[in-house]
C-alpha atoms as a PDB file:
ATOM      1  CA  UNK A   1      15.221   7.878  12.231  1.00  0.00           C
ATOM      2  CA  UNK A   2      12.663   9.024   9.579  1.00  0.00           C
ATOM      3  CA  UNK A   3      11.718   6.635   6.851  1.00  0.00           C
ATOM      4  CA  UNK A   4      14.202   5.976   3.961  1.00  0.00           C
ATOM      5  CA  UNK A   5      13.477   5.977   0.276  1.00  0.00           C
ATOM      6  CA  UNK A   6      15.581   4.066  -2.270  1.00  0.00           C
ATOM      7  CA  UNK A   7      15.366   3.249  -5.920  1.00  0.00           C
ATOM      8  CA  UNK A   8      16.580   0.328  -7.930  1.00  0.00           C
ATOM      9  CA  UNK A   9      15.505  -0.099 -11.365  1.00  0.00           C
ATOM     10  CA  UNK A  10      11.532  -0.074 -11.621  1.00  0.00           C
ATOM     11  CA  UNK A  11      10.956  -0.476  -7.886  1.00  0.00           C
ATOM     12  CA  UNK A  12      11.245   2.130  -5.189  1.00  0.00           C
ATOM     13  CA  UNK A  13      11.479   1.094  -1.431  1.00  0.00           C
ATOM     14  CA  UNK A  14      10.407   2.916   1.526  1.00  0.00           C
ATOM     15  CA  UNK A  15      11.961   1.392   4.568  1.00  0.00           C
ATOM     16  CA  UNK A  16      10.609   2.455   8.210  1.00  0.00           C
ATOM     17  CA  UNK A  17      13.743   2.627  10.567  1.00  0.00           C
ATOM     18  CA  UNK A  18      12.425   2.617  14.290  1.00  0.00           C
ATOM     19  CA  UNK A  19      12.658  -1.090  15.122  1.00  0.00           C
ATOM     20  CA  UNK A  20      13.308  -0.346  18.867  1.00  0.00           C
ATOM     21  CA  UNK A  21       9.632   1.112  19.055  1.00  0.00           C
ATOM     22  CA  UNK A  22       8.307  -1.325  16.485  1.00  0.00           C
ATOM     23  CA  UNK A  23       8.511   1.311  14.022  1.00  0.00           C
ATOM     24  CA  UNK A  24       6.190   3.629  15.597  1.00  0.00           C
ATOM     25  CA  UNK A  25       5.488   6.723  13.353  1.00  0.00           C
ATOM     26  CA  UNK A  26       5.912  10.202  15.012  1.00  0.00           C
ATOM     27  CA  UNK A  27       4.646  13.500  13.744  1.00  0.00           C
ATOM     28  CA  UNK A  28       7.679  14.202  11.788  1.00  0.00           C
ATOM     29  CA  UNK A  29       7.449  11.078   9.798  1.00  0.00           C
ATOM     30  CA  UNK A  30       4.165  12.218   8.185  1.00  0.00           C
ATOM     31  CA  UNK A  31       5.603  14.774   5.712  1.00  0.00           C
ATOM     32  CA  UNK A  32       8.570  12.652   5.025  1.00  0.00           C
ATOM     33  CA  UNK A  33       6.260   9.807   3.717  1.00  0.00           C
ATOM     34  CA  UNK A  34       4.241  12.342   1.720  1.00  0.00           C
ATOM     35  CA  UNK A  35       7.408  13.604   0.218  1.00  0.00           C
ATOM     36  CA  UNK A  36       8.515  10.217  -0.644  1.00  0.00           C
ATOM     37  CA  UNK A  37       5.274   9.406  -2.378  1.00  0.00           C
ATOM     38  CA  UNK A  38       5.768  12.644  -4.402  1.00  0.00           C
ATOM     39  CA  UNK A  39       9.215  11.530  -5.544  1.00  0.00           C
ATOM     40  CA  UNK A  40       8.050   8.267  -6.633  1.00  0.00           C
ATOM     41  CA  UNK A  41       5.148   9.907  -8.459  1.00  0.00           C
ATOM     42  CA  UNK A  42       7.679  12.071 -10.366  1.00  0.00           C
ATOM     43  CA  UNK A  43       9.752   9.105 -11.495  1.00  0.00           C
ATOM     44  CA  UNK A  44       7.890   7.576 -14.644  1.00  0.00           C
ATOM     45  CA  UNK A  45      10.290   4.838 -14.857  1.00  0.00           C
ATOM     46  CA  UNK A  46       9.203   3.555 -11.427  1.00  0.00           C
ATOM     47  CA  UNK A  47       6.289   1.222 -11.485  1.00  0.00           C
ATOM     48  CA  UNK A  48       6.197  -0.399  -8.206  1.00  0.00           C
ATOM     49  CA  UNK A  49       6.675   0.761  -4.338  1.00  0.00           C
ATOM     50  CA  UNK A  50       7.538  -1.658  -1.803  1.00  0.00           C
ATOM     51  CA  UNK A  51       6.793  -0.277   1.859  1.00  0.00           C
ATOM     52  CA  UNK A  52       8.930  -2.430   4.224  1.00  0.00           C
ATOM     53  CA  UNK A  53      10.441  -2.022   7.847  1.00  0.00           C
ATOM     54  CA  UNK A  54      13.306  -3.137   9.971  1.00  0.00           C
ATOM     55  CA  UNK A  55      13.238  -5.268  13.037  1.00  0.00           C
ATOM     56  CA  UNK A  56      10.303  -7.718  14.099  1.00  0.00           C
ATOM     57  CA  UNK A  57       7.392  -5.490  13.684  1.00  0.00           C
ATOM     58  CA  UNK A  58       6.140  -3.897  10.484  1.00  0.00           C
ATOM     59  CA  UNK A  59       4.514  -0.907  12.226  1.00  0.00           C
ATOM     60  CA  UNK A  60       2.934  -0.074  15.490  1.00  0.00           C
ATOM     61  CA  UNK A  61       1.026   2.744  14.371  1.00  0.00           C
ATOM     62  CA  UNK A  62       0.983   6.433  15.118  1.00  0.00           C
ATOM     63  CA  UNK A  63       1.997   7.850  18.382  1.00  0.00           C
ATOM     64  CA  UNK A  64      -1.340   8.378  20.179  1.00  0.00           C
ATOM     65  CA  UNK A  65      -0.041  11.044  22.473  1.00  0.00           C
ATOM     66  CA  UNK A  66       0.943  13.328  19.182  1.00  0.00           C
ATOM     67  CA  UNK A  67      -2.454  13.104  17.560  1.00  0.00           C
ATOM     68  CA  UNK A  68      -3.515  16.678  18.606  1.00  0.00           C
ATOM     69  CA  UNK A  69      -0.018  17.961  17.504  1.00  0.00           C
ATOM     70  CA  UNK A  70      -0.527  16.198  14.131  1.00  0.00           C
ATOM     71  CA  UNK A  71      -3.952  17.672  13.619  1.00  0.00           C
ATOM     72  CA  UNK A  72      -2.745  21.122  14.300  1.00  0.00           C
ATOM     73  CA  UNK A  73       0.608  21.232  12.503  1.00  0.00           C
ATOM     74  CA  UNK A  74      -0.818  20.199   9.088  1.00  0.00           C
ATOM     75  CA  UNK A  75      -0.512  16.826   7.768  1.00  0.00           C
ATOM     76  CA  UNK A  76      -2.580  14.215   9.683  1.00  0.00           C
ATOM     77  CA  UNK A  77      -2.095  10.524   9.705  1.00  0.00           C
ATOM     78  CA  UNK A  78      -5.223   9.915   7.507  1.00  0.00           C
ATOM     79  CA  UNK A  79      -4.021  12.416   5.017  1.00  0.00           C
ATOM     80  CA  UNK A  80      -0.553  10.613   4.867  1.00  0.00           C
ATOM     81  CA  UNK A  81      -2.258   7.226   4.382  1.00  0.00           C
ATOM     82  CA  UNK A  82      -4.561   8.688   1.586  1.00  0.00           C
ATOM     83  CA  UNK A  83      -1.272  10.051  -0.367  1.00  0.00           C
ATOM     84  CA  UNK A  84      -0.041   6.173   0.063  1.00  0.00           C
ATOM     85  CA  UNK A  85      -3.165   4.915  -1.549  1.00  0.00           C
ATOM     86  CA  UNK A  86      -3.117   7.364  -4.377  1.00  0.00           C
ATOM     87  CA  UNK A  87       0.600   6.611  -5.417  1.00  0.00           C
ATOM     88  CA  UNK A  88       0.845   6.085  -9.055  1.00  0.00           C
ATOM     89  CA  UNK A  89       2.968   3.195  -8.697  1.00  0.00           C
ATOM     90  CA  UNK A  90       1.546  -0.067  -7.626  1.00  0.00           C
ATOM     91  CA  UNK A  91       2.162  -0.669  -3.943  1.00  0.00           C
ATOM     92  CA  UNK A  92       3.311  -3.665  -1.944  1.00  0.00           C
ATOM     93  CA  UNK A  93       3.354  -3.727   1.936  1.00  0.00           C
ATOM     94  CA  UNK A  94       5.969  -6.347   3.040  1.00  0.00           C
ATOM     95  CA  UNK A  95       4.498  -7.334   6.444  1.00  0.00           C
ATOM     96  CA  UNK A  96       7.251  -9.237   8.679  1.00  0.00           C
ATOM     97  CA  UNK A  97       5.602  -8.901  11.887  1.00  0.00           C
ATOM     98  CA  UNK A  98       3.024  -6.972  13.718  1.00  0.00           C
ATOM     99  CA  UNK A  99       1.040  -4.490  12.308  1.00  0.00           C
ATOM    100  CA  UNK A 100      -1.090  -2.423  14.704  1.00  0.00           C
ATOM    101  CA  UNK A 101      -3.413   0.684  15.089  1.00  0.00           C
ATOM    102  CA  UNK A 102      -3.182   3.110  12.170  1.00  0.00           C
ATOM    103  CA  UNK A 103      -0.616   0.903  10.612  1.00  0.00           C
ATOM    104  CA  UNK A 104      -3.382  -1.388   9.565  1.00  0.00           C
ATOM    105  CA  UNK A 105      -4.807   1.349   7.570  1.00  0.00           C
ATOM    106  CA  UNK A 106      -1.462   2.164   6.075  1.00  0.00           C
ATOM    107  CA  UNK A 107      -1.063  -1.406   5.147  1.00  0.00           C
ATOM    108  CA  UNK A 108      -4.647  -1.574   3.829  1.00  0.00           C
ATOM    109  CA  UNK A 109      -3.641   1.358   1.426  1.00  0.00           C
ATOM    110  CA  UNK A 110      -1.199  -0.627  -0.289  1.00  0.00           C
ATOM    111  CA  UNK A 111      -2.540  -2.752  -3.300  1.00  0.00           C
ATOM    112  CA  UNK A 112      -0.709  -5.919  -2.073  1.00  0.00           C
ATOM    113  CA  UNK A 113      -0.169  -7.086   1.355  1.00  0.00           C
ATOM    114  CA  UNK A 114       2.503  -9.880   1.567  1.00  0.00           C
ATOM    115  CA  UNK A 115       2.689 -11.376   5.323  1.00  0.00           C
ATOM    116  CA  UNK A 116       4.964 -13.764   7.009  1.00  0.00           C
ATOM    117  CA  UNK A 117       3.450 -16.534   9.260  1.00  0.00           C
ATOM    118  CA  UNK A 118       4.861 -14.236  12.050  1.00  0.00           C
ATOM    119  CA  UNK A 119       2.406 -11.304  11.190  1.00  0.00           C
ATOM    120  CA  UNK A 120      -0.436 -10.346  13.695  1.00  0.00           C
ATOM    121  CA  UNK A 121      -2.556  -7.420  13.934  1.00  0.00           C
ATOM    122  CA  UNK A 122      -5.082  -5.574  16.012  1.00  0.00           C
ATOM    123  CA  UNK A 123      -6.803  -2.170  15.684  1.00  0.00           C
ATOM    124  CA  UNK A 124      -7.196  -0.739  19.474  1.00  0.00           C
ATOM    125  CA  UNK A 125      -8.689   2.505  18.517  1.00  0.00           C
ATOM    126  CA  UNK A 126     -11.929   1.973  20.776  1.00  0.00           C
ATOM    127  CA  UNK A 127      -9.959   0.672  23.684  1.00  0.00           C
ATOM    128  CA  UNK A 128      -7.852   3.760  23.610  1.00  0.00           C
ATOM    129  CA  UNK A 129     -10.872   6.164  23.282  1.00  0.00           C
ATOM    130  CA  UNK A 130     -10.133   7.164  19.707  1.00  0.00           C
ATOM    131  CA  UNK A 131     -12.555   7.588  16.919  1.00  0.00           C
ATOM    132  CA  UNK A 132     -11.008   6.584  13.609  1.00  0.00           C
ATOM    133  CA  UNK A 133     -11.238   9.091  10.604  1.00  0.00           C
ATOM    134  CA  UNK A 134     -13.354   8.490   7.647  1.00  0.00           C
ATOM    135  CA  UNK A 135     -11.164   7.449   5.114  1.00  0.00           C
ATOM    136  CA  UNK A 136      -9.606   4.625   7.127  1.00  0.00           C
ATOM    137  CA  UNK A 137     -13.152   3.354   8.043  1.00  0.00           C
ATOM    138  CA  UNK A 138     -13.682   3.300   4.372  1.00  0.00           C
ATOM    139  CA  UNK A 139     -10.815   1.409   3.447  1.00  0.00           C
ATOM    140  CA  UNK A 140     -11.661  -1.163   5.908  1.00  0.00           C
ATOM    141  CA  UNK A 141     -15.084  -1.607   4.701  1.00  0.00           C
ATOM    142  CA  UNK A 142     -14.163  -1.678   1.039  1.00  0.00           C
ATOM    143  CA  UNK A 143     -11.233  -3.942   1.507  1.00  0.00           C
ATOM    144  CA  UNK A 144     -12.416  -6.207   4.254  1.00  0.00           C
ATOM    145  CA  UNK A 145     -16.230  -5.852   4.328  1.00  0.00           C
ATOM    146  CA  UNK A 146     -18.558  -4.476   7.015  1.00  0.00           C
ATOM    147  CA  UNK A 147     -18.697  -7.540   9.295  1.00  0.00           C
ATOM    148  CA  UNK A 148     -14.946  -7.841   9.337  1.00  0.00           C
ATOM    149  CA  UNK A 149     -14.682  -4.163   9.951  1.00  0.00           C
ATOM    150  CA  UNK A 150     -16.938  -4.067  12.697  1.00  0.00           C
ATOM    151  CA  UNK A 151     -15.498  -7.013  14.154  1.00  0.00           C
ATOM    152  CA  UNK A 152     -11.869  -5.420  14.177  1.00  0.00           C
ATOM    153  CA  UNK A 153     -12.750  -1.917  15.151  1.00  0.00           C
ATOM    154  CA  UNK A 154     -15.486  -2.649  17.858  1.00  0.00           C
ATOM    155  CA  UNK A 155     -14.028  -5.633  19.814  1.00  0.00           C
ATOM    156  CA  UNK A 156     -10.118  -5.051  19.027  1.00  0.00           C
ATOM    157  CA  UNK A 157      -9.670  -8.298  18.421  1.00  0.00           C
ATOM    158  CA  UNK A 158      -6.112  -9.487  17.587  1.00  0.00           C
ATOM    159  CA  UNK A 159      -5.666 -11.537  14.332  1.00  0.00           C
ATOM    160  CA  UNK A 160      -2.779 -14.131  13.510  1.00  0.00           C
ATOM    161  CA  UNK A 161      -1.469 -14.495  10.058  1.00  0.00           C
ATOM    162  CA  UNK A 162      -3.728 -17.150   8.952  1.00  0.00           C
ATOM    163  CA  UNK A 163      -6.906 -15.147  10.112  1.00  0.00           C
ATOM    164  CA  UNK A 164      -5.381 -12.155   8.306  1.00  0.00           C
ATOM    165  CA  UNK A 165      -5.087 -13.991   5.057  1.00  0.00           C
ATOM    166  CA  UNK A 166      -8.489 -15.523   5.724  1.00  0.00           C
ATOM    167  CA  UNK A 167     -10.321 -12.025   6.109  1.00  0.00           C
ATOM    168  CA  UNK A 168      -8.461 -10.622   3.211  1.00  0.00           C
ATOM    169  CA  UNK A 169      -6.350  -8.301   4.821  1.00  0.00           C
ATOM    170  CA  UNK A 170      -3.210 -10.257   3.697  1.00  0.00           C
ATOM    171  CA  UNK A 171      -3.002 -10.838  -0.312  1.00  0.00           C
ATOM    172  CA  UNK A 172      -0.173 -13.319   0.292  1.00  0.00           C
ATOM    173  CA  UNK A 173       0.896 -15.617   3.331  1.00  0.00           C
ATOM    174  CA  UNK A 174       4.245 -17.062   3.081  1.00  0.00           C
ATOM    175  CA  UNK A 175       6.927 -18.444   5.388  1.00  0.00           C
ATOM    176  CA  UNK A 176       8.993 -15.919   7.111  1.00  0.00           C
ATOM    177  CA  UNK A 177      12.108 -16.923   5.122  1.00  0.00           C
ATOM    178  CA  UNK A 178      10.342 -16.676   1.805  1.00  0.00           C
ATOM    179  CA  UNK A 179       8.859 -12.991   2.564  1.00  0.00           C
ATOM    180  CA  UNK A 180      11.561 -10.987   0.656  1.00  0.00           C
ATOM    181  CA  UNK A 181      11.664 -13.521  -2.246  1.00  0.00           C
ATOM    182  CA  UNK A 182       8.033 -13.477  -2.783  1.00  0.00           C
ATOM    183  CA  UNK A 183       7.965  -9.661  -2.521  1.00  0.00           C
ATOM    184  CA  UNK A 184      10.640  -9.023  -5.083  1.00  0.00           C
ATOM    185  CA  UNK A 185       9.013 -11.651  -7.107  1.00  0.00           C
ATOM    186  CA  UNK A 186       5.601  -9.802  -7.162  1.00  0.00           C
ATOM    187  CA  UNK A 187       7.439  -6.669  -7.898  1.00  0.00           C
ATOM    188  CA  UNK A 188       9.076  -7.862 -10.666  1.00  0.00           C
ATOM    189  CA  UNK A 189       5.695  -9.293 -12.225  1.00  0.00           C
ATOM    190  CA  UNK A 190       4.153  -6.034 -11.671  1.00  0.00           C
ATOM    191  CA  UNK A 191       7.091  -4.118 -13.028  1.00  0.00           C
ATOM    192  CA  UNK A 192       7.271  -6.000 -16.322  1.00  0.00           C
ATOM    193  CA  UNK A 193       3.498  -4.556 -17.054  1.00  0.00           C
ATOM    194  CA  UNK A 194       2.631  -2.002 -19.366  1.00  0.00           C
ATOM    195  CA  UNK A 195       2.703   1.253 -17.226  1.00  0.00           C
ATOM    196  CA  UNK A 196      -0.476   3.098 -18.804  1.00  0.00           C
ATOM    197  CA  UNK A 197      -2.893   0.317 -17.861  1.00  0.00           C
ATOM    198  CA  UNK A 198      -1.025  -0.883 -14.664  1.00  0.00           C
ATOM    199  CA  UNK A 199      -1.300   2.615 -13.006  1.00  0.00           C
ATOM    200  CA  UNK A 200      -4.636   3.456 -14.708  1.00  0.00           C
ATOM    201  CA  UNK A 201      -6.611   0.116 -13.877  1.00  0.00           C
ATOM    202  CA  UNK A 202      -5.055   0.401 -10.241  1.00  0.00           C
ATOM    203  CA  UNK A 203      -6.479   4.046  -9.751  1.00  0.00           C
ATOM    204  CA  UNK A 204      -9.971   3.268 -11.147  1.00  0.00           C
ATOM    205  CA  UNK A 205     -10.261  -0.194  -9.178  1.00  0.00           C
ATOM    206  CA  UNK A 206      -9.688   1.660  -6.032  1.00  0.00           C
ATOM    207  CA  UNK A 207     -12.160   4.189  -7.091  1.00  0.00           C
ATOM    208  CA  UNK A 208     -14.789   1.400  -8.063  1.00  0.00           C
ATOM    209  CA  UNK A 209     -14.437  -0.086  -4.336  1.00  0.00           C
ATOM    210  CA  UNK A 210     -15.352   3.093  -2.931  1.00  0.00           C
ATOM    211  CA  UNK A 211     -18.320   3.605  -4.960  1.00  0.00           C
ATOM    212  CA  UNK A 212     -16.790   6.556  -7.122  1.00  0.00           C
ATOM    213  CA  UNK A 213     -16.435   5.220 -10.557  1.00  0.00           C
ATOM    214  CA  UNK A 214     -15.880   7.703 -13.325  1.00  0.00           C
ATOM    215  CA  UNK A 215     -16.755   6.043 -16.449  1.00  0.00           C
ATOM    216  CA  UNK A 216     -15.715   9.007 -18.571  1.00  0.00           C
ATOM    217  CA  UNK A 217     -12.128   8.973 -17.114  1.00  0.00           C
ATOM    218  CA  UNK A 218     -11.903   5.309 -17.520  1.00  0.00           C
ATOM    219  CA  UNK A 219     -12.923   5.506 -21.287  1.00  0.00           C
ATOM    220  CA  UNK A 220     -10.089   8.237 -21.691  1.00  0.00           C
ATOM    221  CA  UNK A 221      -7.534   5.779 -20.138  1.00  0.00           C
ATOM    222  CA  UNK A 222      -8.884   3.172 -22.113  1.00  0.00           C
ATOM    223  CA  UNK A 223      -8.452   5.055 -25.530  1.00  0.00           C
ATOM    224  CA  UNK A 224      -4.843   6.461 -24.295  1.00  0.00           C
ATOM    225  CA  UNK A 225      -3.977   2.934 -24.112  1.00  0.00           C
ATOM    226  CA  UNK A 226      -5.511   1.691 -27.627  1.00  0.00           C
ATOM    227  CA  UNK A 227      -3.245   4.567 -29.097  1.00  0.00           C
ATOM    228  CA  UNK A 228      -0.047   3.900 -27.300  1.00  0.00           C
ATOM    229  CA  UNK A 229       3.083   2.476 -28.485  1.00  0.00           C
ATOM    230  CA  UNK A 230       3.118  -0.069 -25.869  1.00  0.00           C
ATOM    231  CA  UNK A 231      -0.229  -1.839 -27.057  1.00  0.00           C
ATOM    232  CA  UNK A 232       1.683  -2.192 -30.368  1.00  0.00           C
ATOM    233  CA  UNK A 233       4.955  -3.436 -28.582  1.00  0.00           C
ATOM    234  CA  UNK A 234       2.764  -5.858 -26.493  1.00  0.00           C
ATOM    235  CA  UNK A 235       1.148  -7.319 -29.727  1.00  0.00           C
ATOM    236  CA  UNK A 236       4.237  -7.538 -31.314  1.00  0.00           C
ATOM    237  CA  UNK A 237       5.855  -9.153 -28.638  1.00  0.00           C
ATOM    238  CA  UNK A 238       3.151 -11.858 -28.281  1.00  0.00           C
ATOM    239  CA  UNK A 239       3.440 -12.795 -31.870  1.00  0.00           C
ATOM    240  CA  UNK A 240       7.102 -13.063 -31.548  1.00  0.00           C
ATOM    241  CA  UNK A 241       7.092 -14.897 -28.337  1.00  0.00           C
ATOM    242  CA  UNK A 242       9.518 -12.583 -26.646  1.00  0.00           C
ATOM    243  CA  UNK A 243       9.087 -10.142 -23.471  1.00  0.00           C
ATOM    244  CA  UNK A 244       7.599  -6.942 -24.286  1.00  0.00           C
ATOM    245  CA  UNK A 245       9.713  -3.703 -23.910  1.00  0.00           C
ATOM    246  CA  UNK A 246       7.097  -1.394 -22.478  1.00  0.00           C
ATOM    247  CA  UNK A 247       8.111   2.493 -22.356  1.00  0.00           C
ATOM    248  CA  UNK A 248       4.876   3.897 -20.842  1.00  0.00           C
ATOM    249  CA  UNK A 249       3.961   5.774 -24.010  1.00  0.00           C
END
């Protein structure tokens, strides 16, 4: 089954639904995931996107036998992951188990990666004879650092959950029984933030990490927030010691 998109309040959830093959992604999943992100981007009320999956594994990456087909038919795996990274909403990957191959880049494209103690990862591209695509290499280096990227790409070393947290792949590490609660709590925290600075700072932090800072665009977004109703609401709520009600304008 293709990925499923669900909306509830300010949170969207994409669920991978192929547990019998460790949620391996097929060519027809790529346009579905891109369309899911487009739907999220169109919903101004959605502030958070959770990416999760059914079964024991988060995702075993892309079906390597289909790589040539995906390149010739349109959307490549890397293009899909770039779309996920550029999602307007803040993204959370809920990693309950194994995350392998291209799925490691899909997780790195998310803003937060919450993993359980059952998680593990490895990047077997060199072992399979595959040179990874440019934006994926860039994400590895910008998120994890050059030395860790070389360690994972060039040796195909498998990391357990604690090692994933230590190298920065996971932003949170919790017991398996606490994964859903932690993801929901984080989504609630993010969903309560003012939308304009939330999405704006996410975008610019990612660009800064890749060396593509745009100071003029940052200045425009700063001015937009200064002139917003939400800034006035935030100050009023602070003085009145209550939770602000942000509207994204």
